[in-house]
Amino acid sequence: MSYHHVPVMLKEALFYLNCRPGKTYVDGTLGGCGHALEILKNTEPDGRLIALDMDKDAIKNARERLSGFGSRVTLTHHNFSHLPTVLSRIHTASVDGILVDLGLSLYQLQESGRGFSFMRDEPLDMRMNKDETTTAADLVNRLSVKDLKMLLWDYGEERSSMKIAEAIASYRQKKRISSTAQLAAIVRSAAFKGGRRQIDPATQTFQALRIAVNHELKTLEILLQSAPDLLNRRGRLVVISFHSLEDRLVKNKLREFQKGCLCPPDFPQCTCGKKPTMKILTSKPIRPDQEEIKRNPKARSAKLRAAERL
């Protein structure tokens, strides 16, 4: 197995994590170990890393790449939404930093054979965790036109969602949709042709299906909600997102944590009793510089947000 991945905004992630020896950090999206390896190096000699990934291939790769760090590393095959359970099982009450990089790895895009990209013809799968039962092919072949339209609009912000849903329904009456090439061709034939689309017309449909198959927004919401309780005082949460739905969710949740009170603005005084739990460290999202984008074009849409536990 050749698990290639270029970590995005590596120096920025390490800066906001505030890595120090003797502290415990979580990499919730292990991937190709790019961030994990540097966290371990920057916390020598006794810093600890707890690393999660829902892709078994990533865990297998990490066992080889991180073997030299011995007991400083704990690897677990779980989605990051299960982090409270994972920490409980290893008798760790809280940690000093949590990093999640929500992008796909190069391995998943180019070598996994699971249909994450429309750039090559592969089975229409899109499962990050192969133990899950529902694939992207299941969704496009089973969902009603109405449900497909909602999926494409809600998760892909696709303005041609109804036309694409109808085209998918029409095609599958004659033949099951089972490959990325089939789906990409259907979407391109139905997508709105006007305006100045700078991306392939299939991009947002593939994004929407991947999010749905892997429950990405729901699992991110679960992690964000639990994060303050999992961090030590002055512990850091760092999230790297790659599209507006993820970034909006992170931004709004961090603002909620910083504000504390959830009472309506017209209440004369607070009745909910909620106190601020986090301090936002990035007033605006951090973006990769032009040098990184030139070196790694897939980093161009990345946004990093960070907050510190009060």
C-alpha atoms as a PDB file:
ATOM      1  CA  MET A   1       0.000   0.000   0.000  1.00  0.00           C
ATOM      2  CA  SER A   2       1.336   3.446  -0.963  1.00  0.00           C
ATOM      3  CA  TYR A   3      -0.447   6.014   1.207  1.00  0.00           C
ATOM      4  CA  HIS A   4       0.487   9.403  -0.230  1.00  0.00           C
ATOM      5  CA  HIS A   5      -0.681  12.610   1.405  1.00  0.00           C
ATOM      6  CA  VAL A   6       0.589  16.180   1.642  1.00  0.00           C
ATOM      7  CA  PRO A   7      -0.486  17.825   4.927  1.00  0.00           C
ATOM      8  CA  VAL A   8      -2.225  21.172   4.423  1.00  0.00           C
ATOM      9  CA  MET A   9      -1.120  24.276   6.390  1.00  0.00           C
ATOM     10  CA  LEU A  10       1.275  22.189   8.471  1.00  0.00           C
ATOM     11  CA  LYS A  11       3.189  25.038  10.122  1.00  0.00           C
ATOM     12  CA  GLU A  12      -0.046  26.920  10.852  1.00  0.00           C
ATOM     13  CA  ALA A  13      -1.673  23.843  12.404  1.00  0.00           C
ATOM     14  CA  LEU A  14       1.348  23.233  14.633  1.00  0.00           C
ATOM     15  CA  PHE A  15       1.453  26.902  15.671  1.00  0.00           C
ATOM     16  CA  TYR A  16      -2.186  27.002  16.748  1.00  0.00           C
ATOM     17  CA  LEU A  17      -1.990  23.595  18.448  1.00  0.00           C
ATOM     18  CA  ASN A  18       0.840  25.042  20.571  1.00  0.00           C
ATOM     19  CA  CYS A  19       2.635  21.678  20.701  1.00  0.00           C
ATOM     20  CA  ARG A  20       4.761  21.146  23.822  1.00  0.00           C
ATOM     21  CA  PRO A  21       6.636  18.217  25.381  1.00  0.00           C
ATOM     22  CA  GLY A  22       4.750  16.232  27.983  1.00  0.00           C
ATOM     23  CA  LYS A  23       1.336  17.188  26.608  1.00  0.00           C
ATOM     24  CA  THR A  24      -1.322  15.036  24.932  1.00  0.00           C
ATOM     25  CA  TYR A  25      -2.746  15.781  21.496  1.00  0.00           C
ATOM     26  CA  VAL A  26      -5.382  14.268  19.245  1.00  0.00           C
ATOM     27  CA  ASP A  27      -5.205  13.954  15.472  1.00  0.00           C
ATOM     28  CA  GLY A  28      -8.802  13.133  14.621  1.00  0.00           C
ATOM     29  CA  THR A  29      -8.116  12.633  10.914  1.00  0.00           C
ATOM     30  CA  LEU A  30      -4.878  10.668  10.750  1.00  0.00           C
ATOM     31  CA  GLY A  31      -4.762  10.232   6.958  1.00  0.00           C
ATOM     32  CA  GLY A  32      -1.223   9.841   5.688  1.00  0.00           C
ATOM     33  CA  CYS A  33       0.356  10.834   9.055  1.00  0.00           C
ATOM     34  CA  GLY A  34       1.605  14.209   7.794  1.00  0.00           C
ATOM     35  CA  HIS A  35       0.292  16.229  10.733  1.00  0.00           C
ATOM     36  CA  ALA A  36       0.675  13.350  13.203  1.00  0.00           C
ATOM     37  CA  LEU A  37       4.370  12.868  12.455  1.00  0.00           C
ATOM     38  CA  GLU A  38       5.145  16.540  13.046  1.00  0.00           C
ATOM     39  CA  ILE A  39       3.073  16.694  16.233  1.00  0.00           C
ATOM     40  CA  LEU A  40       5.157  13.828  17.604  1.00  0.00           C
ATOM     41  CA  LYS A  41       8.429  15.478  16.573  1.00  0.00           C
ATOM     42  CA  ASN A  42       7.370  18.788  18.125  1.00  0.00           C
ATOM     43  CA  THR A  43       6.426  17.178  21.451  1.00  0.00           C
ATOM     44  CA  GLU A  44       9.589  15.138  21.998  1.00  0.00           C
ATOM     45  CA  PRO A  45      10.643  13.440  24.166  1.00  0.00           C
ATOM     46  CA  ASP A  46       7.449  12.557  26.008  1.00  0.00           C
ATOM     47  CA  GLY A  47       4.478  14.146  24.249  1.00  0.00           C
ATOM     48  CA  ARG A  48       1.615  11.799  23.489  1.00  0.00           C
ATOM     49  CA  LEU A  49      -0.546  11.447  20.363  1.00  0.00           C
ATOM     50  CA  ILE A  50      -3.957   9.825  20.123  1.00  0.00           C
ATOM     51  CA  ALA A  51      -4.793   9.342  16.450  1.00  0.00           C
ATOM     52  CA  LEU A  52      -8.122   8.355  14.912  1.00  0.00           C
ATOM     53  CA  ASP A  53      -9.228   7.568  11.392  1.00  0.00           C
ATOM     54  CA  MET A  54     -12.314   5.900   9.958  1.00  0.00           C
ATOM     55  CA  ASP A  55     -10.245   4.445   7.098  1.00  0.00           C
ATOM     56  CA  LYS A  56      -8.542   1.167   8.005  1.00  0.00           C
ATOM     57  CA  ASP A  57      -5.943   1.769   5.289  1.00  0.00           C
ATOM     58  CA  ALA A  58      -4.829   4.914   7.146  1.00  0.00           C
ATOM     59  CA  ILE A  59      -4.463   2.985  10.404  1.00  0.00           C
ATOM     60  CA  LYS A  60      -2.470   0.239   8.680  1.00  0.00           C
ATOM     61  CA  ASN A  61      -0.160   2.820   7.105  1.00  0.00           C
ATOM     62  CA  ALA A  62       0.301   4.616  10.446  1.00  0.00           C
ATOM     63  CA  ARG A  63       1.346   1.431  12.230  1.00  0.00           C
ATOM     64  CA  GLU A  64       4.350   1.334   9.912  1.00  0.00           C
ATOM     65  CA  ARG A  65       5.167   5.057   9.680  1.00  0.00           C
ATOM     66  CA  LEU A  66       4.779   5.830  13.377  1.00  0.00           C
ATOM     67  CA  SER A  67       6.174   2.587  14.794  1.00  0.00           C
ATOM     68  CA  GLY A  68       9.364   4.307  15.928  1.00  0.00           C
ATOM     69  CA  PHE A  69       7.465   6.421  18.453  1.00  0.00           C
ATOM     70  CA  GLY A  70       6.381   3.386  20.459  1.00  0.00           C
ATOM     71  CA  SER A  71       4.001   3.969  23.351  1.00  0.00           C
ATOM     72  CA  ARG A  72       3.776   7.686  22.636  1.00  0.00           C
ATOM     73  CA  VAL A  73       1.202   6.852  19.940  1.00  0.00           C
ATOM     74  CA  THR A  74      -2.280   5.387  20.339  1.00  0.00           C
ATOM     75  CA  LEU A  75      -4.000   4.438  17.056  1.00  0.00           C
ATOM     76  CA  THR A  76      -7.705   3.704  16.825  1.00  0.00           C
ATOM     77  CA  HIS A  77     -10.083   2.916  13.968  1.00  0.00           C
ATOM     78  CA  HIS A  78     -12.891   5.336  14.783  1.00  0.00           C
ATOM     79  CA  ASN A  79     -14.546   8.443  13.448  1.00  0.00           C
ATOM     80  CA  PHE A  80     -13.584  11.532  15.464  1.00  0.00           C
ATOM     81  CA  SER A  81     -17.177  11.884  16.660  1.00  0.00           C
ATOM     82  CA  HIS A  82     -16.388   8.921  18.942  1.00  0.00           C
ATOM     83  CA  LEU A  83     -13.510  10.772  20.608  1.00  0.00           C
ATOM     84  CA  PRO A  84     -15.173  10.944  24.082  1.00  0.00           C
ATOM     85  CA  THR A  85     -15.577   7.157  24.067  1.00  0.00           C
ATOM     86  CA  VAL A  86     -12.030   6.603  22.793  1.00  0.00           C
ATOM     87  CA  LEU A  87     -10.557   8.800  25.541  1.00  0.00           C
ATOM     88  CA  SER A  88     -12.654   7.075  28.179  1.00  0.00           C
ATOM     89  CA  ARG A  89     -11.443   3.639  27.076  1.00  0.00           C
ATOM     90  CA  ILE A  90      -7.790   4.651  27.410  1.00  0.00           C
ATOM     91  CA  HIS A  91      -8.435   6.385  30.744  1.00  0.00           C
ATOM     92  CA  THR A  92      -7.672   9.883  29.465  1.00  0.00           C
ATOM     93  CA  ALA A  93     -10.001  12.536  30.871  1.00  0.00           C
ATOM     94  CA  SER A  94      -8.862  15.437  28.692  1.00  0.00           C
ATOM     95  CA  VAL A  95      -6.186  16.517  26.210  1.00  0.00           C
ATOM     96  CA  ASP A  96      -4.141  19.609  25.326  1.00  0.00           C
ATOM     97  CA  GLY A  97      -5.034  19.877  21.665  1.00  0.00           C
ATOM     98  CA  ILE A  98      -7.371  18.462  19.022  1.00  0.00           C
ATOM     99  CA  LEU A  99      -6.677  18.735  15.292  1.00  0.00           C
ATOM    100  CA  VAL A 100      -9.046  17.698  12.511  1.00  0.00           C
ATOM    101  CA  ASP A 101      -8.209  18.093   8.814  1.00  0.00           C
ATOM    102  CA  LEU A 102     -11.468  17.523   6.951  1.00  0.00           C
ATOM    103  CA  GLY A 103      -9.935  17.052   3.504  1.00  0.00           C
ATOM    104  CA  LEU A 104      -9.509  13.818   1.600  1.00  0.00           C
ATOM    105  CA  SER A 105      -6.052  12.295   1.383  1.00  0.00           C
ATOM    106  CA  LEU A 106      -4.298  11.871  -1.953  1.00  0.00           C
ATOM    107  CA  TYR A 107      -4.428   8.140  -1.343  1.00  0.00           C
ATOM    108  CA  GLN A 108      -8.224   8.204  -1.078  1.00  0.00           C
ATOM    109  CA  LEU A 109      -8.527  10.308  -4.222  1.00  0.00           C
ATOM    110  CA  GLN A 110      -5.968   8.512  -6.365  1.00  0.00           C
ATOM    111  CA  GLU A 111      -5.346   4.997  -5.070  1.00  0.00           C
ATOM    112  CA  SER A 112      -8.185   3.761  -2.873  1.00  0.00           C
ATOM    113  CA  GLY A 113     -10.397   2.735  -5.812  1.00  0.00           C
ATOM    114  CA  ARG A 114     -13.504   3.904  -3.942  1.00  0.00           C
ATOM    115  CA  GLY A 115     -14.768   6.531  -6.361  1.00  0.00           C
ATOM    116  CA  PHE A 116     -14.052   9.718  -4.425  1.00  0.00           C
ATOM    117  CA  SER A 117     -12.957  11.450  -7.640  1.00  0.00           C
ATOM    118  CA  PHE A 118     -14.586  11.717 -11.044  1.00  0.00           C
ATOM    119  CA  MET A 119     -11.125  12.063 -12.620  1.00  0.00           C
ATOM    120  CA  ARG A 120     -10.901   8.286 -12.988  1.00  0.00           C
ATOM    121  CA  ASP A 121     -13.506   5.580 -13.608  1.00  0.00           C
ATOM    122  CA  GLU A 122     -14.027   3.623 -10.380  1.00  0.00           C
ATOM    123  CA  PRO A 123     -16.861   1.901  -8.501  1.00  0.00           C
ATOM    124  CA  LEU A 124     -19.258   4.479  -7.038  1.00  0.00           C
ATOM    125  CA  ASP A 125     -18.501   3.753  -3.392  1.00  0.00           C
ATOM    126  CA  MET A 126     -17.202   6.823  -1.442  1.00  0.00           C
ATOM    127  CA  ARG A 127     -17.114   5.080   1.958  1.00  0.00           C
ATOM    128  CA  MET A 128     -14.216   6.254   4.107  1.00  0.00           C
ATOM    129  CA  ASN A 129     -15.001   3.380   6.450  1.00  0.00           C
ATOM    130  CA  LYS A 130     -15.476   0.222   4.388  1.00  0.00           C
ATOM    131  CA  ASP A 131     -17.380  -1.360   7.285  1.00  0.00           C
ATOM    132  CA  GLU A 132     -20.302   0.991   6.567  1.00  0.00           C
ATOM    133  CA  THR A 133     -23.062  -0.541   4.456  1.00  0.00           C
ATOM    134  CA  THR A 134     -24.408   2.340   2.338  1.00  0.00           C
ATOM    135  CA  THR A 135     -22.438   3.431  -0.731  1.00  0.00           C
ATOM    136  CA  ALA A 136     -22.876   6.375  -3.078  1.00  0.00           C
ATOM    137  CA  ALA A 137     -24.269   3.948  -5.670  1.00  0.00           C
ATOM    138  CA  ASP A 138     -26.955   2.912  -3.187  1.00  0.00           C
ATOM    139  CA  LEU A 139     -28.024   6.538  -2.758  1.00  0.00           C
ATOM    140  CA  VAL A 140     -28.188   7.469  -6.444  1.00  0.00           C
ATOM    141  CA  ASN A 141     -30.079   4.293  -7.331  1.00  0.00           C
ATOM    142  CA  ARG A 142     -32.540   4.225  -4.416  1.00  0.00           C
ATOM    143  CA  LEU A 143     -33.418   7.769  -3.385  1.00  0.00           C
ATOM    144  CA  SER A 144     -36.502   9.458  -4.775  1.00  0.00           C
ATOM    145  CA  VAL A 145     -36.092  12.470  -7.052  1.00  0.00           C
ATOM    146  CA  LYS A 146     -37.193  14.736  -4.195  1.00  0.00           C
ATOM    147  CA  ASP A 147     -34.683  13.255  -1.751  1.00  0.00           C
ATOM    148  CA  LEU A 148     -31.878  13.352  -4.322  1.00  0.00           C
ATOM    149  CA  LYS A 149     -32.654  16.983  -5.063  1.00  0.00           C
ATOM    150  CA  MET A 150     -32.530  17.846  -1.360  1.00  0.00           C
ATOM    151  CA  LEU A 151     -29.269  15.947  -0.881  1.00  0.00           C
ATOM    152  CA  LEU A 152     -27.588  17.774  -3.773  1.00  0.00           C
ATOM    153  CA  TRP A 153     -28.836  21.160  -2.588  1.00  0.00           C
ATOM    154  CA  ASP A 154     -28.203  20.699   1.141  1.00  0.00           C
ATOM    155  CA  TYR A 155     -24.752  19.106   0.886  1.00  0.00           C
ATOM    156  CA  GLY A 156     -23.490  20.366  -2.469  1.00  0.00           C
ATOM    157  CA  GLU A 157     -25.250  23.732  -2.773  1.00  0.00           C
ATOM    158  CA  GLU A 158     -25.891  22.614  -6.358  1.00  0.00           C
ATOM    159  CA  ARG A 159     -28.151  25.070  -8.189  1.00  0.00           C
ATOM    160  CA  SER A 160     -29.048  22.455 -10.817  1.00  0.00           C
ATOM    161  CA  SER A 161     -30.069  19.958  -8.134  1.00  0.00           C
ATOM    162  CA  MET A 162     -33.545  19.236  -9.548  1.00  0.00           C
ATOM    163  CA  LYS A 163     -32.346  18.773 -13.123  1.00  0.00           C
ATOM    164  CA  ILE A 164     -29.537  16.487 -11.990  1.00  0.00           C
ATOM    165  CA  ALA A 165     -31.866  14.465  -9.760  1.00  0.00           C
ATOM    166  CA  GLU A 166     -34.305  14.002 -12.635  1.00  0.00           C
ATOM    167  CA  ALA A 167     -31.494  12.998 -14.999  1.00  0.00           C
ATOM    168  CA  ILE A 168     -30.233  10.409 -12.495  1.00  0.00           C
ATOM    169  CA  ALA A 169     -33.750   9.000 -12.076  1.00  0.00           C
ATOM    170  CA  SER A 170     -34.250   8.791 -15.837  1.00  0.00           C
ATOM    171  CA  TYR A 171     -30.919   7.023 -16.420  1.00  0.00           C
ATOM    172  CA  ARG A 172     -31.365   4.448 -13.656  1.00  0.00           C
ATOM    173  CA  GLN A 173     -34.664   3.291 -15.141  1.00  0.00           C
ATOM    174  CA  LYS A 174     -32.621   1.811 -17.978  1.00  0.00           C
ATOM    175  CA  LYS A 175     -29.405   0.874 -16.196  1.00  0.00           C
ATOM    176  CA  ARG A 176     -28.008   0.856 -12.662  1.00  0.00           C
ATOM    177  CA  ILE A 177     -25.527   3.663 -11.972  1.00  0.00           C
ATOM    178  CA  SER A 178     -22.444   1.938 -10.607  1.00  0.00           C
ATOM    179  CA  SER A 179     -19.379   3.937 -11.666  1.00  0.00           C
ATOM    180  CA  THR A 180     -17.974   7.420 -11.285  1.00  0.00           C
ATOM    181  CA  ALA A 181     -17.777   7.856 -15.061  1.00  0.00           C
ATOM    182  CA  GLN A 182     -21.483   7.100 -15.453  1.00  0.00           C
ATOM    183  CA  LEU A 183     -22.511   9.552 -12.772  1.00  0.00           C
ATOM    184  CA  ALA A 184     -20.167  12.316 -13.921  1.00  0.00           C
ATOM    185  CA  ALA A 185     -21.516  12.062 -17.479  1.00  0.00           C
ATOM    186  CA  ILE A 186     -25.133  12.219 -16.252  1.00  0.00           C
ATOM    187  CA  VAL A 187     -24.430  15.275 -14.112  1.00  0.00           C
ATOM    188  CA  ARG A 188     -22.526  17.103 -16.847  1.00  0.00           C
ATOM    189  CA  SER A 189     -25.403  16.570 -19.274  1.00  0.00           C
ATOM    190  CA  ALA A 190     -27.931  18.029 -16.825  1.00  0.00           C
ATOM    191  CA  ALA A 191     -26.029  20.772 -14.989  1.00  0.00           C
ATOM    192  CA  PHE A 192     -26.657  24.435 -15.733  1.00  0.00           C
ATOM    193  CA  LYS A 193     -24.419  25.501 -18.618  1.00  0.00           C
ATOM    194  CA  GLY A 194     -24.578  29.291 -18.204  1.00  0.00           C
ATOM    195  CA  GLY A 195     -22.470  31.575 -16.066  1.00  0.00           C
ATOM    196  CA  ARG A 196     -18.793  31.089 -15.341  1.00  0.00           C
ATOM    197  CA  ARG A 197     -18.347  27.699 -13.750  1.00  0.00           C
ATOM    198  CA  GLN A 198     -14.697  27.432 -12.812  1.00  0.00           C
ATOM    199  CA  ILE A 199     -15.004  23.860 -11.596  1.00  0.00           C
ATOM    200  CA  ASP A 200     -16.201  20.662 -13.235  1.00  0.00           C
ATOM    201  CA  PRO A 201     -20.039  20.479 -13.163  1.00  0.00           C
ATOM    202  CA  ALA A 202     -19.793  17.126 -11.340  1.00  0.00           C
ATOM    203  CA  THR A 203     -17.801  18.555  -8.402  1.00  0.00           C
ATOM    204  CA  GLN A 204     -20.699  19.559  -6.158  1.00  0.00           C
ATOM    205  CA  THR A 205     -22.665  16.363  -6.799  1.00  0.00           C
ATOM    206  CA  PHE A 206     -19.681  14.234  -5.808  1.00  0.00           C
ATOM    207  CA  GLN A 207     -19.135  16.399  -2.734  1.00  0.00           C
ATOM    208  CA  ALA A 208     -22.783  16.052  -1.692  1.00  0.00           C
ATOM    209  CA  LEU A 209     -22.781  12.270  -2.052  1.00  0.00           C
ATOM    210  CA  ARG A 210     -19.507  11.901  -0.127  1.00  0.00           C
ATOM    211  CA  ILE A 211     -20.849  14.027   2.721  1.00  0.00           C
ATOM    212  CA  ALA A 212     -24.070  11.989   2.835  1.00  0.00           C
ATOM    213  CA  VAL A 213     -22.364   8.588   2.682  1.00  0.00           C
ATOM    214  CA  ASN A 214     -19.962   9.458   5.505  1.00  0.00           C
ATOM    215  CA  HIS A 215     -22.345  11.642   7.582  1.00  0.00           C
ATOM    216  CA  GLU A 216     -19.615  14.276   7.552  1.00  0.00           C
ATOM    217  CA  LEU A 217     -21.525  17.315   8.806  1.00  0.00           C
ATOM    218  CA  LYS A 218     -23.244  15.365  11.570  1.00  0.00           C
ATOM    219  CA  THR A 219     -20.011  13.856  12.863  1.00  0.00           C
ATOM    220  CA  LEU A 220     -18.301  17.267  12.739  1.00  0.00           C
ATOM    221  CA  GLU A 221     -21.137  18.791  14.734  1.00  0.00           C
ATOM    222  CA  ILE A 222     -20.838  16.037  17.362  1.00  0.00           C
ATOM    223  CA  LEU A 223     -17.088  16.608  17.712  1.00  0.00           C
ATOM    224  CA  LEU A 224     -17.447  20.388  17.975  1.00  0.00           C
ATOM    225  CA  GLN A 225     -20.123  20.075  20.629  1.00  0.00           C
ATOM    226  CA  SER A 226     -17.971  17.792  22.784  1.00  0.00           C
ATOM    227  CA  ALA A 227     -14.638  19.567  22.234  1.00  0.00           C
ATOM    228  CA  PRO A 228     -14.701  22.055  25.169  1.00  0.00           C
ATOM    229  CA  ASP A 229     -15.297  19.250  27.674  1.00  0.00           C
ATOM    230  CA  LEU A 230     -12.413  17.226  26.218  1.00  0.00           C
ATOM    231  CA  LEU A 231      -9.813  19.992  26.403  1.00  0.00           C
ATOM    232  CA  ASN A 232      -7.661  20.955  29.357  1.00  0.00           C
ATOM    233  CA  ARG A 233      -7.515  24.608  30.366  1.00  0.00           C
ATOM    234  CA  ARG A 234      -5.784  26.504  27.523  1.00  0.00           C
ATOM    235  CA  GLY A 235      -6.098  23.424  25.314  1.00  0.00           C
ATOM    236  CA  ARG A 236      -6.521  24.159  21.617  1.00  0.00           C
ATOM    237  CA  LEU A 237      -9.025  23.069  18.967  1.00  0.00           C
ATOM    238  CA  VAL A 238      -7.819  23.417  15.352  1.00  0.00           C
ATOM    239  CA  VAL A 239     -10.070  22.621  12.386  1.00  0.00           C
ATOM    240  CA  ILE A 240      -9.052  22.704   8.720  1.00  0.00           C
ATOM    241  CA  SER A 241     -12.093  22.703   6.418  1.00  0.00           C
ATOM    242  CA  PHE A 242     -12.394  22.667   2.640  1.00  0.00           C
ATOM    243  CA  HIS A 243     -15.872  23.884   1.749  1.00  0.00           C
ATOM    244  CA  SER A 244     -18.349  26.468   2.966  1.00  0.00           C
ATOM    245  CA  LEU A 245     -20.702  24.058   4.752  1.00  0.00           C
ATOM    246  CA  GLU A 246     -17.931  22.794   7.048  1.00  0.00           C
ATOM    247  CA  ASP A 247     -16.410  26.210   7.621  1.00  0.00           C
ATOM    248  CA  ARG A 248     -19.790  27.781   8.447  1.00  0.00           C
ATOM    249  CA  LEU A 249     -20.489  25.061  10.988  1.00  0.00           C
ATOM    250  CA  VAL A 250     -17.087  25.540  12.664  1.00  0.00           C
ATOM    251  CA  LYS A 251     -17.363  29.346  12.658  1.00  0.00           C
ATOM    252  CA  ASN A 252     -20.836  29.390  14.186  1.00  0.00           C
ATOM    253  CA  LYS A 253     -20.033  26.803  16.847  1.00  0.00           C
ATOM    254  CA  LEU A 254     -16.862  28.611  17.956  1.00  0.00           C
ATOM    255  CA  ARG A 255     -18.778  31.885  18.187  1.00  0.00           C
ATOM    256  CA  GLU A 256     -21.392  30.144  20.316  1.00  0.00           C
ATOM    257  CA  PHE A 257     -18.704  28.819  22.667  1.00  0.00           C
ATOM    258  CA  GLN A 258     -17.098  32.250  22.939  1.00  0.00           C
ATOM    259  CA  LYS A 259     -20.382  34.034  23.600  1.00  0.00           C
ATOM    260  CA  GLY A 260     -21.695  31.540  26.137  1.00  0.00           C
ATOM    261  CA  CYS A 261     -25.182  32.962  26.704  1.00  0.00           C
ATOM    262  CA  LEU A 262     -27.846  31.620  24.322  1.00  0.00           C
ATOM    263  CA  CYS A 263     -30.694  33.898  25.436  1.00  0.00           C
ATOM    264  CA  PRO A 264     -32.501  35.961  22.765  1.00  0.00           C
ATOM    265  CA  PRO A 265     -30.993  39.449  22.267  1.00  0.00           C
ATOM    266  CA  ASP A 266     -34.119  41.162  23.607  1.00  0.00           C
ATOM    267  CA  PHE A 267     -33.881  39.430  27.040  1.00  0.00           C
ATOM    268  CA  PRO A 268     -33.027  42.043  29.705  1.00  0.00           C
ATOM    269  CA  GLN A 269     -30.719  39.573  31.462  1.00  0.00           C
ATOM    270  CA  CYS A 270     -29.337  36.078  30.955  1.00  0.00           C
ATOM    271  CA  THR A 271     -31.550  33.233  32.124  1.00  0.00           C
ATOM    272  CA  CYS A 272     -29.765  30.302  30.442  1.00  0.00           C
ATOM    273  CA  GLY A 273     -26.704  30.522  32.699  1.00  0.00           C
ATOM    274  CA  LYS A 274     -24.282  29.401  29.971  1.00  0.00           C
ATOM    275  CA  LYS A 275     -20.774  30.803  30.325  1.00  0.00           C
ATOM    276  CA  PRO A 276     -18.137  31.230  27.610  1.00  0.00           C
ATOM    277  CA  THR A 277     -16.001  28.094  27.263  1.00  0.00           C
ATOM    278  CA  MET A 278     -13.674  28.950  24.361  1.00  0.00           C
ATOM    279  CA  LYS A 279     -11.727  31.948  23.101  1.00  0.00           C
ATOM    280  CA  ILE A 280     -11.440  32.265  19.323  1.00  0.00           C
ATOM    281  CA  LEU A 281      -7.814  32.617  18.188  1.00  0.00           C
ATOM    282  CA  THR A 282      -8.531  33.262  14.495  1.00  0.00           C
ATOM    283  CA  SER A 283     -10.826  36.259  13.933  1.00  0.00           C
ATOM    284  CA  LYS A 284     -10.815  35.293  10.268  1.00  0.00           C
ATOM    285  CA  PRO A 285      -9.977  31.887   8.801  1.00  0.00           C
ATOM    286  CA  ILE A 286      -6.300  31.309   8.079  1.00  0.00           C
ATOM    287  CA  ARG A 287      -5.658  30.524   4.411  1.00  0.00           C
ATOM    288  CA  PRO A 288      -2.665  28.814   2.778  1.00  0.00           C
ATOM    289  CA  ASP A 289      -0.140  31.162   1.219  1.00  0.00           C
ATOM    290  CA  GLN A 290       0.543  31.269  -2.507  1.00  0.00           C
ATOM    291  CA  GLU A 291       3.733  29.242  -2.140  1.00  0.00           C
ATOM    292  CA  GLU A 292       1.814  26.348  -0.560  1.00  0.00           C
ATOM    293  CA  ILE A 293      -0.968  26.543  -3.141  1.00  0.00           C
ATOM    294  CA  LYS A 294       1.624  26.409  -5.921  1.00  0.00           C
ATOM    295  CA  ARG A 295       3.251  23.403  -4.253  1.00  0.00           C
ATOM    296  CA  ASN A 296      -0.079  21.723  -3.434  1.00  0.00           C
ATOM    297  CA  PRO A 297      -3.028  23.046  -5.526  1.00  0.00           C
ATOM    298  CA  LYS A 298      -5.492  20.973  -3.466  1.00  0.00           C
ATOM    299  CA  ALA A 299      -4.792  23.308  -0.531  1.00  0.00           C
ATOM    300  CA  ARG A 300      -6.329  26.345  -2.260  1.00  0.00           C
ATOM    301  CA  SER A 301      -9.776  26.005  -0.656  1.00  0.00           C
ATOM    302  CA  ALA A 302      -8.518  25.188   2.860  1.00  0.00           C
ATOM    303  CA  LYS A 303      -9.506  27.343   5.844  1.00  0.00           C
ATOM    304  CA  LEU A 304      -8.119  26.949   9.355  1.00  0.00           C
ATOM    305  CA  ARG A 305      -9.938  28.095  12.480  1.00  0.00           C
ATOM    306  CA  ALA A 306      -8.688  27.709  16.030  1.00  0.00           C
ATOM    307  CA  ALA A 307      -9.925  28.321  19.564  1.00  0.00           C
ATOM    308  CA  GLU A 308      -8.572  27.916  23.100  1.00  0.00           C
ATOM    309  CA  ARG A 309     -10.321  26.440  26.132  1.00  0.00           C
ATOM    310  CA  LEU A 310     -10.946  29.020  28.846  1.00  0.00           C
END
